[in-house]
Full PDB file with SEQRES, HELIX, SHEET, SSBOND, CRYST1, ORIGX, SCALE, CONECT and MASTER records, all heavy atoms in Angstrom:
SEQRES   1 A   35  VAL LYS PRO LYS ILE ILE PHE ILE GLU PRO THR TRP THR          
SEQRES   2 A   35  HIS GLU LEU LEU ILE CYS LYS PHE ALA LYS LYS TYR ASN          
SEQRES   3 A   35  VAL SER ILE VAL ALA PRO VAL LYS ASP                          
HELIX    1 AA1 THR A   13  LYS A   24  1                                  12    
SHEET    1 AA1 2 ILE A   5  PHE A   7  0                                        
SHEET    2 AA1 2 SER A  28  VAL A  30  1                                        
CRYST1    1.000    1.000    1.000  90.00  90.00  90.00 P 1           1          
ORIGX1      1.000000  0.000000  0.000000        0.00000                         
ORIGX2      0.000000  1.000000  0.000000        0.00000                         
ORIGX3      0.000000  0.000000  1.000000        0.00000                         
SCALE1      1.000000  0.000000  0.000000        0.00000                         
SCALE2      0.000000  1.000000  0.000000        0.00000                         
SCALE3      0.000000  0.000000  1.000000        0.00000                         
ATOM      1  N   VAL A   1       0.825  -1.215   0.000  1.00  0.00           N  
ATOM      2  CA  VAL A   1       0.000   0.000   0.000  1.00  0.00           C  
ATOM      3  C   VAL A   1       0.856   1.262   0.000  1.00  0.00           C  
ATOM      4  O   VAL A   1       0.476   2.284  -0.558  1.00  0.00           O  
ATOM      5  CB  VAL A   1      -0.951  -0.016   1.219  1.00  0.00           C  
ATOM      6  CG1 VAL A   1      -1.665   1.318   1.385  1.00  0.00           C  
ATOM      7  CG2 VAL A   1      -1.966  -1.142   1.073  1.00  0.00           C  
ATOM      8  N   LYS A   2       2.025   1.185   0.641  1.00  0.00           N  
ATOM      9  CA  LYS A   2       2.915   2.350   0.802  1.00  0.00           C  
ATOM     10  C   LYS A   2       2.157   3.546   1.397  1.00  0.00           C  
ATOM     11  O   LYS A   2       2.044   4.613   0.775  1.00  0.00           O  
ATOM     12  CB  LYS A   2       3.560   2.731  -0.533  1.00  0.00           C  
ATOM     13  CG  LYS A   2       4.501   1.672  -1.068  1.00  0.00           C  
ATOM     14  CD  LYS A   2       5.121   2.110  -2.376  1.00  0.00           C  
ATOM     15  CE  LYS A   2       6.210   1.141  -2.824  1.00  0.00           C  
ATOM     16  NZ  LYS A   2       5.753  -0.259  -2.939  1.00  0.00           N  
ATOM     17  N   PRO A   3       1.624   3.372   2.597  1.00  0.00           N  
ATOM     18  CA  PRO A   3       0.854   4.464   3.220  1.00  0.00           C  
ATOM     19  C   PRO A   3       1.721   5.690   3.476  1.00  0.00           C  
ATOM     20  O   PRO A   3       2.928   5.581   3.691  1.00  0.00           O  
ATOM     21  CB  PRO A   3       0.377   3.841   4.535  1.00  0.00           C  
ATOM     22  CG  PRO A   3       1.342   2.742   4.824  1.00  0.00           C  
ATOM     23  CD  PRO A   3       1.770   2.209   3.498  1.00  0.00           C  
ATOM     24  N   LYS A   4       1.085   6.837   3.453  1.00  0.00           N  
ATOM     25  CA  LYS A   4       1.788   8.099   3.729  1.00  0.00           C  
ATOM     26  C   LYS A   4       1.419   8.658   5.111  1.00  0.00           C  
ATOM     27  O   LYS A   4       2.244   9.224   5.794  1.00  0.00           O  
ATOM     28  CB  LYS A   4       1.462   9.133   2.652  1.00  0.00           C  
ATOM     29  CG  LYS A   4       1.912   8.734   1.256  1.00  0.00           C  
ATOM     30  CD  LYS A   4       3.419   8.652   1.156  1.00  0.00           C  
ATOM     31  CE  LYS A   4       3.888   8.436  -0.269  1.00  0.00           C  
ATOM     32  NZ  LYS A   4       3.450   7.156  -0.854  1.00  0.00           N  
ATOM     33  N   ILE A   5       0.149   8.489   5.495  1.00  0.00           N  
ATOM     34  CA  ILE A   5      -0.334   8.994   6.786  1.00  0.00           C  
ATOM     35  C   ILE A   5      -1.228   7.931   7.413  1.00  0.00           C  
ATOM     36  O   ILE A   5      -2.059   7.328   6.734  1.00  0.00           O  
ATOM     37  CB  ILE A   5      -1.143  10.299   6.635  1.00  0.00           C  
ATOM     38  CG1 ILE A   5      -0.317  11.384   5.950  1.00  0.00           C  
ATOM     39  CG2 ILE A   5      -1.619  10.808   7.995  1.00  0.00           C  
ATOM     40  CD1 ILE A   5      -1.089  12.651   5.658  1.00  0.00           C  
ATOM     41  N   ILE A   6      -1.057   7.715   8.716  1.00  0.00           N  
ATOM     42  CA  ILE A   6      -1.893   6.756   9.439  1.00  0.00           C  
ATOM     43  C   ILE A   6      -2.516   7.446  10.647  1.00  0.00           C  
ATOM     44  O   ILE A   6      -1.810   7.985  11.491  1.00  0.00           O  
ATOM     45  CB  ILE A   6      -1.073   5.539   9.906  1.00  0.00           C  
ATOM     46  CG1 ILE A   6      -0.497   4.789   8.690  1.00  0.00           C  
ATOM     47  CG2 ILE A   6      -1.919   4.601  10.756  1.00  0.00           C  
ATOM     48  CD1 ILE A   6       0.401   3.628   9.060  1.00  0.00           C  
ATOM     49  N   PHE A   7      -3.845   7.431  10.710  1.00  0.00           N  
ATOM     50  CA  PHE A   7      -4.579   7.937  11.868  1.00  0.00           C  
ATOM     51  C   PHE A   7      -4.840   6.761  12.812  1.00  0.00           C  
ATOM     52  O   PHE A   7      -5.402   5.748  12.395  1.00  0.00           O  
ATOM     53  CB  PHE A   7      -5.904   8.578  11.439  1.00  0.00           C  
ATOM     54  CG  PHE A   7      -5.741   9.929  10.802  1.00  0.00           C  
ATOM     55  CD1 PHE A   7      -5.324  10.050   9.484  1.00  0.00           C  
ATOM     56  CD2 PHE A   7      -5.999  11.086  11.530  1.00  0.00           C  
ATOM     57  CE1 PHE A   7      -5.167  11.300   8.891  1.00  0.00           C  
ATOM     58  CE2 PHE A   7      -5.838  12.341  10.950  1.00  0.00           C  
ATOM     59  CZ  PHE A   7      -5.422  12.451   9.631  1.00  0.00           C  
ATOM     60  N   ILE A   8      -4.445   6.912  14.072  1.00  0.00           N  
ATOM     61  CA  ILE A   8      -4.409   5.768  14.968  1.00  0.00           C  
ATOM     62  C   ILE A   8      -4.496   6.201  16.431  1.00  0.00           C  
ATOM     63  O   ILE A   8      -4.104   7.325  16.774  1.00  0.00           O  
ATOM     64  CB  ILE A   8      -3.098   4.975  14.720  1.00  0.00           C  
ATOM     65  CG1 ILE A   8      -3.059   3.640  15.473  1.00  0.00           C  
ATOM     66  CG2 ILE A   8      -1.882   5.826  15.085  1.00  0.00           C  
ATOM     67  CD1 ILE A   8      -1.877   2.760  15.084  1.00  0.00           C  
ATOM     68  N   GLU A   9      -5.022   5.313  17.275  1.00  0.00           N  
ATOM     69  CA  GLU A   9      -4.938   5.481  18.724  1.00  0.00           C  
ATOM     70  C   GLU A   9      -4.071   4.336  19.248  1.00  0.00           C  
ATOM     71  O   GLU A   9      -4.556   3.216  19.423  1.00  0.00           O  
ATOM     72  CB  GLU A   9      -6.323   5.433  19.381  1.00  0.00           C  
ATOM     73  CG  GLU A   9      -6.244   5.651  20.878  1.00  0.00           C  
ATOM     74  CD  GLU A   9      -7.527   5.264  21.611  1.00  0.00           C  
ATOM     75  OE1 GLU A   9      -8.324   4.474  21.078  1.00  0.00           O  
ATOM     76  OE2 GLU A   9      -7.716   5.758  22.735  1.00  0.00           O  
ATOM     77  N   PRO A  10      -2.789   4.573  19.517  1.00  0.00           N  
ATOM     78  CA  PRO A  10      -1.885   3.472  19.877  1.00  0.00           C  
ATOM     79  C   PRO A  10      -2.145   2.934  21.289  1.00  0.00           C  
ATOM     80  O   PRO A  10      -1.808   3.578  22.274  1.00  0.00           O  
ATOM     81  CB  PRO A  10      -0.494   4.110  19.781  1.00  0.00           C  
ATOM     82  CG  PRO A  10      -0.674   5.394  19.035  1.00  0.00           C  
ATOM     83  CD  PRO A  10      -2.059   5.842  19.376  1.00  0.00           C  
ATOM     84  N   THR A  11      -2.761   1.764  21.358  1.00  0.00           N  
ATOM     85  CA  THR A  11      -3.073   1.128  22.639  1.00  0.00           C  
ATOM     86  C   THR A  11      -2.729  -0.357  22.616  1.00  0.00           C  
ATOM     87  O   THR A  11      -1.975  -0.834  23.446  1.00  0.00           O  
ATOM     88  CB  THR A  11      -4.567   1.295  22.982  1.00  0.00           C  
ATOM     89  OG1 THR A  11      -4.889   2.686  23.035  1.00  0.00           O  
ATOM     90  CG2 THR A  11      -4.892   0.656  24.331  1.00  0.00           C  
ATOM     91  N   TRP A  12      -3.312  -1.074  21.654  1.00  0.00           N  
ATOM     92  CA  TRP A  12      -3.172  -2.520  21.601  1.00  0.00           C  
ATOM     93  C   TRP A  12      -1.907  -2.932  20.844  1.00  0.00           C  
ATOM     94  O   TRP A  12      -1.273  -2.109  20.173  1.00  0.00           O  
ATOM     95  CB  TRP A  12      -4.402  -3.140  20.936  1.00  0.00           C  
ATOM     96  CG  TRP A  12      -5.670  -2.753  21.618  1.00  0.00           C  
ATOM     97  CD1 TRP A  12      -6.530  -1.753  21.241  1.00  0.00           C  
ATOM     98  CD2 TRP A  12      -6.218  -3.310  22.820  1.00  0.00           C  
ATOM     99  NE1 TRP A  12      -7.577  -1.667  22.122  1.00  0.00           N  
ATOM    100  CE2 TRP A  12      -7.422  -2.613  23.099  1.00  0.00           C  
ATOM    101  CE3 TRP A  12      -5.821  -4.339  23.674  1.00  0.00           C  
ATOM    102  CZ2 TRP A  12      -8.210  -2.907  24.193  1.00  0.00           C  
ATOM    103  CZ3 TRP A  12      -6.619  -4.646  24.771  1.00  0.00           C  
ATOM    104  CH2 TRP A  12      -7.793  -3.934  25.017  1.00  0.00           C  
ATOM    105  N   THR A  13      -1.583  -4.215  20.897  1.00  0.00           N  
ATOM    106  CA  THR A  13      -0.358  -4.728  20.264  1.00  0.00           C  
ATOM    107  C   THR A  13      -0.291  -4.384  18.784  1.00  0.00           C  
ATOM    108  O   THR A  13       0.738  -3.904  18.298  1.00  0.00           O  
ATOM    109  CB  THR A  13      -0.266  -6.258  20.455  1.00  0.00           C  
ATOM    110  OG1 THR A  13      -0.083  -6.541  21.852  1.00  0.00           O  
ATOM    111  CG2 THR A  13       0.893  -6.842  19.677  1.00  0.00           C  
ATOM    112  N   HIS A  14      -1.374  -4.627  18.059  1.00  0.00           N  
ATOM    113  CA  HIS A  14      -1.326  -4.374  16.606  1.00  0.00           C  
ATOM    114  C   HIS A  14      -1.092  -2.885  16.318  1.00  0.00           C  
ATOM    115  O   HIS A  14      -0.411  -2.537  15.349  1.00  0.00           O  
ATOM    116  CB  HIS A  14      -2.603  -4.865  15.924  1.00  0.00           C  
ATOM    117  CG  HIS A  14      -3.839  -4.079  16.250  1.00  0.00           C  
ATOM    118  ND1 HIS A  14      -4.530  -4.231  17.426  1.00  0.00           N  
ATOM    119  CD2 HIS A  14      -4.494  -3.115  15.553  1.00  0.00           C  
ATOM    120  CE1 HIS A  14      -5.568  -3.417  17.439  1.00  0.00           C  
ATOM    121  NE2 HIS A  14      -5.567  -2.716  16.316  1.00  0.00           N  
ATOM    122  N   GLU A  15      -1.617  -2.008  17.180  1.00  0.00           N  
ATOM    123  CA  GLU A  15      -1.436  -0.570  16.974  1.00  0.00           C  
ATOM    124  C   GLU A  15      -0.003  -0.142  17.272  1.00  0.00           C  
ATOM    125  O   GLU A  15       0.570   0.701  16.558  1.00  0.00           O  
ATOM    126  CB  GLU A  15      -2.429   0.197  17.844  1.00  0.00           C  
ATOM    127  CG  GLU A  15      -3.874  -0.030  17.420  1.00  0.00           C  
ATOM    128  CD  GLU A  15      -4.882   0.338  18.487  1.00  0.00           C  
ATOM    129  OE1 GLU A  15      -4.519   0.389  19.679  1.00  0.00           O  
ATOM    130  OE2 GLU A  15      -6.061   0.551  18.129  1.00  0.00           O  
ATOM    131  N   LEU A  16       0.581  -0.703  18.316  1.00  0.00           N  
ATOM    132  CA  LEU A  16       1.972  -0.380  18.630  1.00  0.00           C  
ATOM    133  C   LEU A  16       2.909  -0.893  17.546  1.00  0.00           C  
ATOM    134  O   LEU A  16       3.895  -0.226  17.186  1.00  0.00           O  
ATOM    135  CB  LEU A  16       2.347  -0.964  19.992  1.00  0.00           C  
ATOM    136  CG  LEU A  16       1.571  -0.394  21.179  1.00  0.00           C  
ATOM    137  CD1 LEU A  16       1.881  -1.164  22.453  1.00  0.00           C  
ATOM    138  CD2 LEU A  16       1.878   1.081  21.367  1.00  0.00           C  
ATOM    139  N   LEU A  17       2.603  -2.061  17.001  1.00  0.00           N  
ATOM    140  CA  LEU A  17       3.416  -2.586  15.896  1.00  0.00           C  
ATOM    141  C   LEU A  17       3.285  -1.716  14.653  1.00  0.00           C  
ATOM    142  O   LEU A  17       4.263  -1.500  13.932  1.00  0.00           O  
ATOM    143  CB  LEU A  17       3.002  -4.026  15.582  1.00  0.00           C  
ATOM    144  CG  LEU A  17       3.357  -5.080  16.639  1.00  0.00           C  
ATOM    145  CD1 LEU A  17       2.795  -6.439  16.243  1.00  0.00           C  
ATOM    146  CD2 LEU A  17       4.863  -5.169  16.855  1.00  0.00           C  
ATOM    147  N   ILE A  18       2.080  -1.209  14.407  1.00  0.00           N  
ATOM    148  CA  ILE A  18       1.882  -0.300  13.267  1.00  0.00           C  
ATOM    149  C   ILE A  18       2.766   0.930  13.416  1.00  0.00           C  
ATOM    150  O   ILE A  18       3.379   1.408  12.458  1.00  0.00           O  
ATOM    151  CB  ILE A  18       0.396   0.087  13.138  1.00  0.00           C  
ATOM    152  CG1 ILE A  18      -0.414  -1.119  12.647  1.00  0.00           C  
ATOM    153  CG2 ILE A  18       0.211   1.279  12.196  1.00  0.00           C  
ATOM    154  CD1 ILE A  18      -1.914  -0.951  12.766  1.00  0.00           C  
ATOM    155  N   CYS A  19       2.867   1.450  14.640  1.00  0.00           N  
ATOM    156  CA  CYS A  19       3.735   2.609  14.884  1.00  0.00           C  
ATOM    157  C   CYS A  19       5.192   2.276  14.611  1.00  0.00           C  
ATOM    158  O   CYS A  19       5.951   3.110  14.085  1.00  0.00           O  
ATOM    159  CB  CYS A  19       3.564   3.100  16.326  1.00  0.00           C  
ATOM    160  SG  CYS A  19       1.976   3.895  16.656  1.00  0.00           S  
ATOM    161  N   LYS A  20       5.612   1.073  14.957  1.00  0.00           N  
ATOM    162  CA  LYS A  20       6.999   0.655  14.702  1.00  0.00           C  
ATOM    163  C   LYS A  20       7.257   0.522  13.207  1.00  0.00           C  
ATOM    164  O   LYS A  20       8.309   0.941  12.710  1.00  0.00           O  
ATOM    165  CB  LYS A  20       7.293  -0.671  15.412  1.00  0.00           C  
ATOM    166  CG  LYS A  20       7.146  -0.632  16.923  1.00  0.00           C  
ATOM    167  CD  LYS A  20       8.054   0.392  17.562  1.00  0.00           C  
ATOM    168  CE  LYS A  20       7.885   0.399  19.085  1.00  0.00           C  
ATOM    169  NZ  LYS A  20       8.669   1.480  19.730  1.00  0.00           N  
ATOM    170  N   PHE A  21       6.303  -0.064  12.462  1.00  0.00           N  
ATOM    171  CA  PHE A  21       6.456  -0.163  11.008  1.00  0.00           C  
ATOM    172  C   PHE A  21       6.447   1.226  10.369  1.00  0.00           C  
ATOM    173  O   PHE A  21       7.194   1.485   9.420  1.00  0.00           O  
ATOM    174  CB  PHE A  21       5.329  -1.012  10.420  1.00  0.00           C  
ATOM    175  CG  PHE A  21       5.592  -2.489  10.449  1.00  0.00           C  
ATOM    176  CD1 PHE A  21       4.911  -3.308  11.326  1.00  0.00           C  
ATOM    177  CD2 PHE A  21       6.534  -3.062   9.600  1.00  0.00           C  
ATOM    178  CE1 PHE A  21       5.149  -4.685  11.363  1.00  0.00           C  
ATOM    179  CE2 PHE A  21       6.785  -4.433   9.620  1.00  0.00           C  
ATOM    180  CZ  PHE A  21       6.089  -5.249  10.504  1.00  0.00           C  
ATOM    181  N   ALA A  22       5.601   2.108  10.877  1.00  0.00           N  
ATOM    182  CA  ALA A  22       5.535   3.468  10.334  1.00  0.00           C  
ATOM    183  C   ALA A  22       6.876   4.177  10.478  1.00  0.00           C  
ATOM    184  O   ALA A  22       7.339   4.865   9.558  1.00  0.00           O  
ATOM    185  CB  ALA A  22       4.430   4.251  11.044  1.00  0.00           C  
ATOM    186  N   LYS A  23       7.506   4.007  11.617  1.00  0.00           N  
ATOM    187  CA  LYS A  23       8.821   4.606  11.825  1.00  0.00           C  
ATOM    188  C   LYS A  23       9.849   4.015  10.853  1.00  0.00           C  
ATOM    189  O   LYS A  23      10.665   4.744  10.287  1.00  0.00           O  
ATOM    190  CB  LYS A  23       9.273   4.381  13.272  1.00  0.00           C  
ATOM    191  CG  LYS A  23      10.612   5.038  13.614  1.00  0.00           C  
ATOM    192  CD  LYS A  23      10.964   4.807  15.082  1.00  0.00           C  
ATOM    193  CE  LYS A  23      12.311   5.447  15.418  1.00  0.00           C  
ATOM    194  NZ  LYS A  23      12.693   5.217  16.828  1.00  0.00           N  
ATOM    195  N   LYS A  24       9.781   2.701  10.672  1.00  0.00           N  
ATOM    196  CA  LYS A  24      10.726   2.023   9.786  1.00  0.00           C  
ATOM    197  C   LYS A  24      10.562   2.485   8.342  1.00  0.00           C  
ATOM    198  O   LYS A  24      11.542   2.710   7.629  1.00  0.00           O  
ATOM    199  CB  LYS A  24      10.514   0.505   9.870  1.00  0.00           C  
ATOM    200  CG  LYS A  24      11.470  -0.319   9.017  1.00  0.00           C  
ATOM    201  CD  LYS A  24      12.876  -0.256   9.563  1.00  0.00           C  
ATOM    202  CE  LYS A  24      13.830  -1.120   8.744  1.00  0.00           C  
ATOM    203  NZ  LYS A  24      15.202  -1.079   9.296  1.00  0.00           N  
ATOM    204  N   TYR A  25       9.324   2.650   7.907  1.00  0.00           N  
ATOM    205  CA  TYR A  25       9.049   2.996   6.507  1.00  0.00           C  
ATOM    206  C   TYR A  25       8.789   4.491   6.301  1.00  0.00           C  
ATOM    207  O   TYR A  25       8.301   4.895   5.247  1.00  0.00           O  
ATOM    208  CB  TYR A  25       7.857   2.182   6.003  1.00  0.00           C  
ATOM    209  CG  TYR A  25       8.155   0.713   5.820  1.00  0.00           C  
ATOM    210  CD1 TYR A  25       7.464  -0.255   6.541  1.00  0.00           C  
ATOM    211  CD2 TYR A  25       9.140   0.287   4.930  1.00  0.00           C  
ATOM    212  CE1 TYR A  25       7.734  -1.613   6.376  1.00  0.00           C  
ATOM    213  CE2 TYR A  25       9.419  -1.067   4.751  1.00  0.00           C  
ATOM    214  CZ  TYR A  25       8.716  -2.007   5.477  1.00  0.00           C  
ATOM    215  OH  TYR A  25       8.990  -3.352   5.301  1.00  0.00           O  
ATOM    216  N   ASN A  26       9.101   5.287   7.322  1.00  0.00           N  
ATOM    217  CA  ASN A  26       8.989   6.743   7.216  1.00  0.00           C  
ATOM    218  C   ASN A  26       7.563   7.196   6.874  1.00  0.00           C  
ATOM    219  O   ASN A  26       7.333   7.997   5.971  1.00  0.00           O  
ATOM    220  CB  ASN A  26       9.981   7.297   6.179  1.00  0.00           C  
ATOM    221  CG  ASN A  26      10.149   8.798   6.284  1.00  0.00           C  
ATOM    222  OD1 ASN A  26       9.990   9.384   7.358  1.00  0.00           O  
ATOM    223  ND2 ASN A  26      10.457   9.438   5.170  1.00  0.00           N  
ATOM    224  N   VAL A  27       6.608   6.661   7.605  1.00  0.00           N  
ATOM    225  CA  VAL A  27       5.198   7.011   7.428  1.00  0.00           C  
ATOM    226  C   VAL A  27       4.769   7.898   8.596  1.00  0.00           C  
ATOM    227  O   VAL A  27       5.123   7.636   9.743  1.00  0.00           O  
ATOM    228  CB  VAL A  27       4.328   5.738   7.394  1.00  0.00           C  
ATOM    229  CG1 VAL A  27       2.848   6.095   7.258  1.00  0.00           C  
ATOM    230  CG2 VAL A  27       4.770   4.818   6.263  1.00  0.00           C  
ATOM    231  N   SER A  28       4.009   8.932   8.312  1.00  0.00           N  
ATOM    232  CA  SER A  28       3.574   9.865   9.352  1.00  0.00           C  
ATOM    233  C   SER A  28       2.423   9.273  10.159  1.00  0.00           C  
ATOM    234  O   SER A  28       1.438   8.796   9.599  1.00  0.00           O  
ATOM    235  CB  SER A  28       3.128  11.193   8.739  1.00  0.00           C  
ATOM    236  OG  SER A  28       4.208  11.831   8.096  1.00  0.00           O  
ATOM    237  N   ILE A  29       2.564   9.317  11.477  1.00  0.00           N  
ATOM    238  CA  ILE A  29       1.514   8.876  12.399  1.00  0.00           C  
ATOM    239  C   ILE A  29       0.755  10.097  12.912  1.00  0.00           C  
ATOM    240  O   ILE A  29       1.358  11.116  13.248  1.00  0.00           O  
ATOM    241  CB  ILE A  29       2.129   8.112  13.588  1.00  0.00           C  
ATOM    242  CG1 ILE A  29       2.604   6.729  13.157  1.00  0.00           C  
ATOM    243  CG2 ILE A  29       1.147   8.003  14.754  1.00  0.00           C  
ATOM    244  CD1 ILE A  29       1.498   5.747  12.839  1.00  0.00           C  
ATOM    245  N   VAL A  30      -0.558   9.995  12.972  1.00  0.00           N  
ATOM    246  CA  VAL A  30      -1.394  11.023  13.593  1.00  0.00           C  
ATOM    247  C   VAL A  30      -2.198  10.323  14.683  1.00  0.00           C  
ATOM    248  O   VAL A  30      -3.036   9.464  14.399  1.00  0.00           O  
ATOM    249  CB  VAL A  30      -2.351  11.686  12.585  1.00  0.00           C  
ATOM    250  CG1 VAL A  30      -3.195  12.752  13.283  1.00  0.00           C  
ATOM    251  CG2 VAL A  30      -1.574  12.287  11.422  1.00  0.00           C  
ATOM    252  N   ALA A  31      -1.928  10.674  15.939  1.00  0.00           N  
ATOM    253  CA  ALA A  31      -2.601  10.052  17.080  1.00  0.00           C  
ATOM    254  C   ALA A  31      -3.386  11.123  17.847  1.00  0.00           C  
ATOM    255  O   ALA A  31      -2.840  11.788  18.734  1.00  0.00           O  
ATOM    256  CB  ALA A  31      -1.583   9.378  17.996  1.00  0.00           C  
ATOM    257  N   PRO A  32      -4.660  11.321  17.505  1.00  0.00           N  
ATOM    258  CA  PRO A  32      -5.459  12.351  18.179  1.00  0.00           C  
ATOM    259  C   PRO A  32      -5.780  11.960  19.624  1.00  0.00           C  
ATOM    260  O   PRO A  32      -6.215  10.841  19.891  1.00  0.00           O  
ATOM    261  CB  PRO A  32      -6.744  12.417  17.342  1.00  0.00           C  
ATOM    262  CG  PRO A  32      -6.426  11.701  16.055  1.00  0.00           C  
ATOM    263  CD  PRO A  32      -5.416  10.667  16.426  1.00  0.00           C  
ATOM    264  N   VAL A  33      -5.572  12.892  20.547  1.00  0.00           N  
ATOM    265  CA  VAL A  33      -5.860  12.672  21.966  1.00  0.00           C  
ATOM    266  C   VAL A  33      -6.622  13.878  22.494  1.00  0.00           C  
ATOM    267  O   VAL A  33      -6.228  15.024  22.249  1.00  0.00           O  
ATOM    268  CB  VAL A  33      -4.557  12.468  22.778  1.00  0.00           C  
ATOM    269  CG1 VAL A  33      -4.860  12.374  24.270  1.00  0.00           C  
ATOM    270  CG2 VAL A  33      -3.809  11.231  22.302  1.00  0.00           C  
ATOM    271  N   LYS A  34      -7.709  13.611  23.223  1.00  0.00           N  
ATOM    272  CA  LYS A  34      -8.508  14.707  23.775  1.00  0.00           C  
ATOM    273  C   LYS A  34      -7.631  15.664  24.572  1.00  0.00           C  
ATOM    274  O   LYS A  34      -6.766  15.235  25.327  1.00  0.00           O  
ATOM    275  CB  LYS A  34      -9.607  14.162  24.688  1.00  0.00           C  
ATOM    276  CG  LYS A  34     -10.777  13.544  23.953  1.00  0.00           C  
ATOM    277  CD  LYS A  34     -11.791  12.938  24.916  1.00  0.00           C  
ATOM    278  CE  LYS A  34     -12.538  14.013  25.664  1.00  0.00           C  
ATOM    279  NZ  LYS A  34     -13.477  14.745  24.793  1.00  0.00           N  
ATOM    280  N   ASP A  35      -7.874  16.953  24.398  1.00  0.00           N  
ATOM    281  CA  ASP A  35      -7.144  17.960  25.161  1.00  0.00           C  
ATOM    282  C   ASP A  35      -7.349  17.728  26.657  1.00  0.00           C  
ATOM    283  O   ASP A  35      -8.442  17.358  27.097  1.00  0.00           O  
ATOM    284  CB  ASP A  35      -7.636  19.352  24.778  1.00  0.00           C  
ATOM    285  CG  ASP A  35      -6.826  20.458  25.423  1.00  0.00           C  
ATOM    286  OD1 ASP A  35      -5.845  20.893  24.836  1.00  0.00           O  
ATOM    287  OD2 ASP A  35      -7.188  20.866  26.554  1.00  0.00           O  
TER     288      ASP A  35                                                      
MASTER        0    0    0    1    2    0    0    6  287    1    0    3          
END                                                                             
């Protein structure tokens, strides 16, 4: 897919792994958190 931006709430194992892959493949993570 070669994603460019990923919107995510990093909590579970699959989400944390996605963040690690994003860092490896230089993909931007957007993690919205309530103010």
